[in-house]
Amino acid sequence: MPVTGAGLIRFFEEETYGIKIKPKYVVLMAVGFITLVMILWARPLLPF
């Protein structure tokens, strides 16, 4: 009995539905959102 793909991950090449965003853009959006929240949180402490 031949062993085919033993221990290998299968990547499907079927078309999937939904929004496709590159991982680096997800990280950038997360960092931007965290920065925005920190700025808004510290706003009462700022002199302007």
PDB file of N, CA and C in Angstrom:
ATOM      1  N   MET A   1       0.852  -1.172   0.000  1.00  0.00           N
ATOM      2  CA  MET A   1       0.000   0.000   0.000  1.00  0.00           C
ATOM      3  C   MET A   1       0.903   1.242   0.000  1.00  0.00           C
ATOM      4  N   PRO A   2       0.838   2.094  -1.036  1.00  0.00           N
ATOM      5  CA  PRO A   2       1.717   3.269  -1.115  1.00  0.00           C
ATOM      6  C   PRO A   2       1.279   4.380  -0.155  1.00  0.00           C
ATOM      7  N   VAL A   3       2.277   5.058   0.371  1.00  0.00           N
ATOM      8  CA  VAL A   3       2.010   6.179   1.264  1.00  0.00           C
ATOM      9  C   VAL A   3       2.011   7.445   0.415  1.00  0.00           C
ATOM     10  N   THR A   4       0.892   8.128   0.385  1.00  0.00           N
ATOM     11  CA  THR A   4       0.794   9.354  -0.418  1.00  0.00           C
ATOM     12  C   THR A   4       0.532  10.534   0.498  1.00  0.00           C
ATOM     13  N   GLY A   5       1.471  11.447   0.560  1.00  0.00           N
ATOM     14  CA  GLY A   5       1.292  12.674   1.333  1.00  0.00           C
ATOM     15  C   GLY A   5       1.264  12.448   2.835  1.00  0.00           C
ATOM     16  N   ALA A   6       1.975  11.477   3.315  1.00  0.00           N
ATOM     17  CA  ALA A   6       1.971  11.187   4.751  1.00  0.00           C
ATOM     18  C   ALA A   6       2.600  12.342   5.522  1.00  0.00           C
ATOM     19  N   GLY A   7       1.842  12.929   6.406  1.00  0.00           N
ATOM     20  CA  GLY A   7       2.347  14.003   7.245  1.00  0.00           C
ATOM     21  C   GLY A   7       2.432  15.355   6.564  1.00  0.00           C
ATOM     22  N   LEU A   8       1.945  15.479   5.351  1.00  0.00           N
ATOM     23  CA  LEU A   8       2.008  16.750   4.638  1.00  0.00           C
ATOM     24  C   LEU A   8       0.680  17.490   4.767  1.00  0.00           C
ATOM     25  N   ILE A   9       0.771  18.789   4.779  1.00  0.00           N
ATOM     26  CA  ILE A   9      -0.431  19.618   4.827  1.00  0.00           C
ATOM     27  C   ILE A   9      -0.949  19.801   3.410  1.00  0.00           C
ATOM     28  N   ARG A  10      -2.241  19.668   3.246  1.00  0.00           N
ATOM     29  CA  ARG A  10      -2.834  19.871   1.922  1.00  0.00           C
ATOM     30  C   ARG A  10      -3.350  21.298   1.816  1.00  0.00           C
ATOM     31  N   PHE A  11      -2.972  21.959   0.765  1.00  0.00           N
ATOM     32  CA  PHE A  11      -3.462  23.295   0.489  1.00  0.00           C
ATOM     33  C   PHE A  11      -4.441  23.198  -0.667  1.00  0.00           C
ATOM     34  N   PHE A  12      -5.647  23.648  -0.419  1.00  0.00           N
ATOM     35  CA  PHE A  12      -6.670  23.595  -1.451  1.00  0.00           C
ATOM     36  C   PHE A  12      -6.544  24.814  -2.346  1.00  0.00           C
ATOM     37  N   GLU A  13      -6.679  24.600  -3.613  1.00  0.00           N
ATOM     38  CA  GLU A  13      -6.571  25.696  -4.563  1.00  0.00           C
ATOM     39  C   GLU A  13      -7.929  26.097  -5.110  1.00  0.00           C
ATOM     40  N   GLU A  14      -8.975  25.768  -4.383  1.00  0.00           N
ATOM     41  CA  GLU A  14     -10.314  26.158  -4.791  1.00  0.00           C
ATOM     42  C   GLU A  14     -10.508  27.635  -4.488  1.00  0.00           C
ATOM     43  N   GLU A  15     -11.374  28.249  -5.264  1.00  0.00           N
ATOM     44  CA  GLU A  15     -11.690  29.658  -5.045  1.00  0.00           C
ATOM     45  C   GLU A  15     -12.563  29.780  -3.806  1.00  0.00           C
ATOM     46  N   THR A  16     -12.145  30.635  -2.880  1.00  0.00           N
ATOM     47  CA  THR A  16     -12.933  30.850  -1.668  1.00  0.00           C
ATOM     48  C   THR A  16     -13.593  32.214  -1.741  1.00  0.00           C
ATOM     49  N   TYR A  17     -14.702  32.344  -1.061  1.00  0.00           N
ATOM     50  CA  TYR A  17     -15.443  33.598  -1.060  1.00  0.00           C
ATOM     51  C   TYR A  17     -15.058  34.431   0.149  1.00  0.00           C
ATOM     52  N   GLY A  18     -15.266  35.726   0.050  1.00  0.00           N
ATOM     53  CA  GLY A  18     -14.993  36.616   1.163  1.00  0.00           C
ATOM     54  C   GLY A  18     -13.902  37.616   0.821  1.00  0.00           C
ATOM     55  N   ILE A  19     -13.608  38.450   1.797  1.00  0.00           N
ATOM     56  CA  ILE A  19     -12.604  39.496   1.626  1.00  0.00           C
ATOM     57  C   ILE A  19     -11.221  38.870   1.754  1.00  0.00           C
ATOM     58  N   LYS A  20     -10.347  39.227   0.836  1.00  0.00           N
ATOM     59  CA  LYS A  20      -8.977  38.720   0.874  1.00  0.00           C
ATOM     60  C   LYS A  20      -8.041  39.885   1.192  1.00  0.00           C
ATOM     61  N   ILE A  21      -7.400  39.827   2.356  1.00  0.00           N
ATOM     62  CA  ILE A  21      -6.479  40.870   2.802  1.00  0.00           C
ATOM     63  C   ILE A  21      -5.159  40.193   3.149  1.00  0.00           C
ATOM     64  N   LYS A  22      -4.074  40.797   2.711  1.00  0.00           N
ATOM     65  CA  LYS A  22      -2.755  40.246   3.027  1.00  0.00           C
ATOM     66  C   LYS A  22      -2.491  40.375   4.528  1.00  0.00           C
ATOM     67  N   PRO A  23      -1.767  39.426   5.099  1.00  0.00           N
ATOM     68  CA  PRO A  23      -1.514  39.443   6.548  1.00  0.00           C
ATOM     69  C   PRO A  23      -0.835  40.714   7.045  1.00  0.00           C
ATOM     70  N   LYS A  24       0.072  41.293   6.238  1.00  0.00           N
ATOM     71  CA  LYS A  24       0.758  42.503   6.714  1.00  0.00           C
ATOM     72  C   LYS A  24      -0.214  43.665   6.861  1.00  0.00           C
ATOM     73  N   TYR A  25      -1.259  43.711   6.023  1.00  0.00           N
ATOM     74  CA  TYR A  25      -2.253  44.770   6.149  1.00  0.00           C
ATOM     75  C   TYR A  25      -3.132  44.562   7.380  1.00  0.00           C
ATOM     76  N   VAL A  26      -3.388  43.327   7.728  1.00  0.00           N
ATOM     77  CA  VAL A  26      -4.150  43.042   8.948  1.00  0.00           C
ATOM     78  C   VAL A  26      -3.360  43.499  10.168  1.00  0.00           C
ATOM     79  N   VAL A  27      -2.051  43.235  10.175  1.00  0.00           N
ATOM     80  CA  VAL A  27      -1.201  43.658  11.290  1.00  0.00           C
ATOM     81  C   VAL A  27      -1.143  45.176  11.356  1.00  0.00           C
ATOM     82  N   LEU A  28      -0.990  45.841  10.214  1.00  0.00           N
ATOM     83  CA  LEU A  28      -0.943  47.306  10.197  1.00  0.00           C
ATOM     84  C   LEU A  28      -2.250  47.912  10.688  1.00  0.00           C
ATOM     85  N   MET A  29      -3.380  47.335  10.284  1.00  0.00           N
ATOM     86  CA  MET A  29      -4.670  47.847  10.750  1.00  0.00           C
ATOM     87  C   MET A  29      -4.829  47.639  12.252  1.00  0.00           C
ATOM     88  N   ALA A  30      -4.360  46.512  12.767  1.00  0.00           N
ATOM     89  CA  ALA A  30      -4.446  46.248  14.204  1.00  0.00           C
ATOM     90  C   ALA A  30      -3.582  47.231  14.988  1.00  0.00           C
ATOM     91  N   VAL A  31      -2.359  47.475  14.514  1.00  0.00           N
ATOM     92  CA  VAL A  31      -1.471  48.430  15.188  1.00  0.00           C
ATOM     93  C   VAL A  31      -2.068  49.834  15.128  1.00  0.00           C
ATOM     94  N   GLY A  32      -2.622  50.211  13.992  1.00  0.00           N
ATOM     95  CA  GLY A  32      -3.263  51.516  13.867  1.00  0.00           C
ATOM     96  C   GLY A  32      -4.455  51.659  14.792  1.00  0.00           C
ATOM     97  N   PHE A  33      -5.261  50.612  14.904  1.00  0.00           N
ATOM     98  CA  PHE A  33      -6.426  50.656  15.789  1.00  0.00           C
ATOM     99  C   PHE A  33      -6.000  50.772  17.246  1.00  0.00           C
ATOM    100  N   ILE A  34      -4.978  50.013  17.635  1.00  0.00           N
ATOM    101  CA  ILE A  34      -4.478  50.083  19.010  1.00  0.00           C
ATOM    102  C   ILE A  34      -3.928  51.471  19.303  1.00  0.00           C
ATOM    103  N   THR A  35      -3.196  52.055  18.349  1.00  0.00           N
ATOM    104  CA  THR A  35      -2.658  53.406  18.519  1.00  0.00           C
ATOM    105  C   THR A  35      -3.785  54.420  18.668  1.00  0.00           C
ATOM    106  N   LEU A  36      -4.816  54.307  17.847  1.00  0.00           N
ATOM    107  CA  LEU A  36      -5.964  55.214  17.932  1.00  0.00           C
ATOM    108  C   LEU A  36      -6.645  55.107  19.289  1.00  0.00           C
ATOM    109  N   VAL A  37      -6.838  53.906  19.774  1.00  0.00           N
ATOM    110  CA  VAL A  37      -7.468  53.717  21.082  1.00  0.00           C
ATOM    111  C   VAL A  37      -6.609  54.319  22.184  1.00  0.00           C
ATOM    112  N   MET A  38      -5.294  54.143  22.104  1.00  0.00           N
ATOM    113  CA  MET A  38      -4.410  54.711  23.125  1.00  0.00           C
ATOM    114  C   MET A  38      -4.443  56.233  23.099  1.00  0.00           C
ATOM    115  N   ILE A  39      -4.488  56.827  21.907  1.00  0.00           N
ATOM    116  CA  ILE A  39      -4.555  58.288  21.798  1.00  0.00           C
ATOM    117  C   ILE A  39      -5.868  58.800  22.375  1.00  0.00           C
ATOM    118  N   LEU A  40      -6.965  58.139  22.035  1.00  0.00           N
ATOM    119  CA  LEU A  40      -8.264  58.576  22.555  1.00  0.00           C
ATOM    120  C   LEU A  40      -8.369  58.352  24.059  1.00  0.00           C
ATOM    121  N   TRP A  41      -7.736  57.312  24.569  1.00  0.00           N
ATOM    122  CA  TRP A  41      -7.754  57.040  25.999  1.00  0.00           C
ATOM    123  C   TRP A  41      -6.967  58.106  26.763  1.00  0.00           C
ATOM    124  N   ALA A  42      -5.857  58.578  26.188  1.00  0.00           N
ATOM    125  CA  ALA A  42      -4.991  59.555  26.854  1.00  0.00           C
ATOM    126  C   ALA A  42      -5.429  60.987  26.577  1.00  0.00           C
ATOM    127  N   ARG A  43      -6.477  61.177  25.805  1.00  0.00           N
ATOM    128  CA  ARG A  43      -6.898  62.524  25.401  1.00  0.00           C
ATOM    129  C   ARG A  43      -7.182  63.453  26.584  1.00  0.00           C
ATOM    130  N   PRO A  44      -7.856  63.014  27.652  1.00  0.00           N
ATOM    131  CA  PRO A  44      -8.078  63.930  28.788  1.00  0.00           C
ATOM    132  C   PRO A  44      -6.783  64.376  29.463  1.00  0.00           C
ATOM    133  N   LEU A  45      -5.709  63.636  29.290  1.00  0.00           N
ATOM    134  CA  LEU A  45      -4.436  63.990  29.914  1.00  0.00           C
ATOM    135  C   LEU A  45      -3.643  64.999  29.090  1.00  0.00           C
ATOM    136  N   LEU A  46      -4.013  65.157  27.814  1.00  0.00           N
ATOM    137  CA  LEU A  46      -3.281  66.063  26.934  1.00  0.00           C
ATOM    138  C   LEU A  46      -3.782  67.495  27.114  1.00  0.00           C
ATOM    139  N   PRO A  47      -2.900  68.486  26.929  1.00  0.00           N
ATOM    140  CA  PRO A  47      -3.285  69.879  27.167  1.00  0.00           C
ATOM    141  C   PRO A  47      -4.164  70.497  26.078  1.00  0.00           C
ATOM    142  N   PHE A  48      -4.393  69.822  24.956  1.00  0.00           N
ATOM    143  CA  PHE A  48      -5.212  70.436  23.900  1.00  0.00           C
ATOM    144  C   PHE A  48      -6.555  69.786  23.770  1.00  0.00           C
TER     145      PHE A  48
END
